[in-house]
Amino acid sequence: MSQPYSRFLHPFEVARHPSLEPEVKRALLASWASDRSAVPDRPAMRKPPGAKRAVPVDDVLAALRSLDSGEAGQSKHINDRAAQRQSCG
């Protein structure tokens, strides 16, 4: 995957992806959460190279936590909150 982030609009898309191994999901999300992906002058937002838009680091961390708790497929309420945030600007 040369531009892995270009395939995903939100971290929960990574967490719920049916064909990615858990280790790959964890690596992608950890990279997305890193300070290296921080948006200049907006430290709470992350946009790794190739990503279409920035997302809150809290959403990335929640997706990582969902992998730990086995809730990657059951995180609709968090994903709904993220969709509302995106529609508000």
C-alpha atoms as a PDB file:
ATOM      1  CA  MET A   1       0.000   0.000   0.000  1.00  0.00           C
ATOM      2  CA  SER A   2       1.859   3.064  -1.197  1.00  0.00           C
ATOM      3  CA  GLN A   3      -0.649   5.666   0.065  1.00  0.00           C
ATOM      4  CA  PRO A   4      -2.595   3.685   2.671  1.00  0.00           C
ATOM      5  CA  TYR A   5      -4.426   6.687   4.108  1.00  0.00           C
ATOM      6  CA  SER A   6      -5.920   7.710   0.777  1.00  0.00           C
ATOM      7  CA  ARG A   7      -8.240   4.692   1.033  1.00  0.00           C
ATOM      8  CA  PHE A   8      -9.714   5.725   4.390  1.00  0.00           C
ATOM      9  CA  LEU A   9     -11.743   8.809   5.318  1.00  0.00           C
ATOM     10  CA  HIS A  10     -11.946   7.995   9.019  1.00  0.00           C
ATOM     11  CA  PRO A  11      -9.933   5.913  11.504  1.00  0.00           C
ATOM     12  CA  PHE A  12     -12.892   3.613  12.162  1.00  0.00           C
ATOM     13  CA  GLU A  13     -12.793   2.579   8.517  1.00  0.00           C
ATOM     14  CA  VAL A  14      -9.345   1.175   9.294  1.00  0.00           C
ATOM     15  CA  ALA A  15     -10.497  -0.451  12.544  1.00  0.00           C
ATOM     16  CA  ARG A  16     -13.460  -2.150  10.838  1.00  0.00           C
ATOM     17  CA  HIS A  17     -11.743  -3.128   7.597  1.00  0.00           C
ATOM     18  CA  PRO A  18     -12.488  -6.831   7.109  1.00  0.00           C
ATOM     19  CA  SER A  19      -9.323  -7.856   5.269  1.00  0.00           C
ATOM     20  CA  LEU A  20      -6.642  -5.994   7.256  1.00  0.00           C
ATOM     21  CA  GLU A  21      -4.794  -7.947   9.913  1.00  0.00           C
ATOM     22  CA  PRO A  22      -5.026  -6.479  13.435  1.00  0.00           C
ATOM     23  CA  GLU A  23      -1.295  -5.674  13.396  1.00  0.00           C
ATOM     24  CA  VAL A  24      -1.693  -3.694  10.157  1.00  0.00           C
ATOM     25  CA  LYS A  25      -4.687  -1.812  11.548  1.00  0.00           C
ATOM     26  CA  ARG A  26      -2.733  -0.987  14.696  1.00  0.00           C
ATOM     27  CA  ALA A  27       0.301   0.195  12.697  1.00  0.00           C
ATOM     28  CA  LEU A  28      -1.817   2.421  10.427  1.00  0.00           C
ATOM     29  CA  LEU A  29      -3.719   3.945  13.341  1.00  0.00           C
ATOM     30  CA  ALA A  30      -0.575   4.460  15.432  1.00  0.00           C
ATOM     31  CA  SER A  31       1.050   6.283  12.541  1.00  0.00           C
ATOM     32  CA  TRP A  32      -2.108   8.352  12.032  1.00  0.00           C
ATOM     33  CA  ALA A  33      -2.076   9.296  15.728  1.00  0.00           C
ATOM     34  CA  SER A  34       1.585  10.292  15.778  1.00  0.00           C
ATOM     35  CA  ASP A  35       2.708  13.899  16.103  1.00  0.00           C
ATOM     36  CA  ARG A  36       4.240  13.522  12.659  1.00  0.00           C
ATOM     37  CA  SER A  37       0.697  13.538  11.233  1.00  0.00           C
ATOM     38  CA  ALA A  38      -0.377  16.598  13.240  1.00  0.00           C
ATOM     39  CA  VAL A  39      -1.901  19.461  11.285  1.00  0.00           C
ATOM     40  CA  PRO A  40       0.198  22.625  11.649  1.00  0.00           C
ATOM     41  CA  ASP A  41      -1.352  25.054  14.145  1.00  0.00           C
ATOM     42  CA  ARG A  42      -4.086  22.488  14.966  1.00  0.00           C
ATOM     43  CA  PRO A  43      -2.441  19.985  17.325  1.00  0.00           C
ATOM     44  CA  ALA A  44      -5.687  18.101  18.021  1.00  0.00           C
ATOM     45  CA  MET A  45      -6.076  17.210  14.334  1.00  0.00           C
ATOM     46  CA  ARG A  46      -4.239  14.558  12.329  1.00  0.00           C
ATOM     47  CA  LYS A  47      -3.766  14.290   8.558  1.00  0.00           C
ATOM     48  CA  PRO A  48      -1.142  11.795   7.440  1.00  0.00           C
ATOM     49  CA  PRO A  49       0.343  12.004   3.929  1.00  0.00           C
ATOM     50  CA  GLY A  50      -2.210  10.910   1.367  1.00  0.00           C
ATOM     51  CA  ALA A  51      -5.219  11.371   3.664  1.00  0.00           C
ATOM     52  CA  LYS A  52      -8.131  13.247   2.119  1.00  0.00           C
ATOM     53  CA  ARG A  53      -9.003  15.223   5.253  1.00  0.00           C
ATOM     54  CA  ALA A  54      -7.914  15.822   8.807  1.00  0.00           C
ATOM     55  CA  VAL A  55      -9.605  14.041  11.701  1.00  0.00           C
ATOM     56  CA  PRO A  56      -9.459  14.645  15.449  1.00  0.00           C
ATOM     57  CA  VAL A  57      -6.713  12.698  17.199  1.00  0.00           C
ATOM     58  CA  ASP A  58      -9.379  11.629  19.723  1.00  0.00           C
ATOM     59  CA  ASP A  59     -11.117   9.701  16.933  1.00  0.00           C
ATOM     60  CA  VAL A  60      -7.855   7.977  15.989  1.00  0.00           C
ATOM     61  CA  LEU A  61      -7.247   7.008  19.624  1.00  0.00           C
ATOM     62  CA  ALA A  62     -10.837   5.772  19.979  1.00  0.00           C
ATOM     63  CA  ALA A  63     -10.358   3.561  16.915  1.00  0.00           C
ATOM     64  CA  LEU A  64      -7.186   2.145  18.476  1.00  0.00           C
ATOM     65  CA  ARG A  65      -9.032   1.480  21.730  1.00  0.00           C
ATOM     66  CA  SER A  66     -11.795  -0.272  19.811  1.00  0.00           C
ATOM     67  CA  LEU A  67      -9.229  -2.773  18.550  1.00  0.00           C
ATOM     68  CA  ASP A  68      -8.207  -3.505  22.138  1.00  0.00           C
ATOM     69  CA  SER A  69     -11.767  -4.005  23.306  1.00  0.00           C
ATOM     70  CA  GLY A  70     -12.949  -5.865  20.218  1.00  0.00           C
ATOM     71  CA  GLU A  71     -15.505  -3.172  19.427  1.00  0.00           C
ATOM     72  CA  ALA A  72     -14.221  -2.150  15.997  1.00  0.00           C
ATOM     73  CA  GLY A  73     -17.462  -3.269  14.408  1.00  0.00           C
ATOM     74  CA  GLN A  74     -19.635  -1.901  17.224  1.00  0.00           C
ATOM     75  CA  SER A  75     -18.477   1.725  17.307  1.00  0.00           C
ATOM     76  CA  LYS A  76     -21.431   3.260  15.466  1.00  0.00           C
ATOM     77  CA  HIS A  77     -22.055   5.944  18.102  1.00  0.00           C
ATOM     78  CA  ILE A  78     -18.499   7.278  17.817  1.00  0.00           C
ATOM     79  CA  ASN A  79     -18.577   7.161  14.023  1.00  0.00           C
ATOM     80  CA  ASP A  80     -21.931   8.994  14.025  1.00  0.00           C
ATOM     81  CA  ARG A  81     -20.412  11.700  16.231  1.00  0.00           C
ATOM     82  CA  ALA A  82     -17.503  12.060  13.790  1.00  0.00           C
ATOM     83  CA  ALA A  83     -19.896  12.342  10.833  1.00  0.00           C
ATOM     84  CA  GLN A  84     -21.810  15.093  12.645  1.00  0.00           C
ATOM     85  CA  ARG A  85     -18.562  16.947  13.327  1.00  0.00           C
ATOM     86  CA  GLN A  86     -17.578  16.740   9.638  1.00  0.00           C
ATOM     87  CA  SER A  87     -20.954  18.038   8.470  1.00  0.00           C
ATOM     88  CA  CYS A  88     -20.669  21.018  10.818  1.00  0.00           C
ATOM     89  CA  GLY A  89     -17.412  22.091   9.231  1.00  0.00           C
END
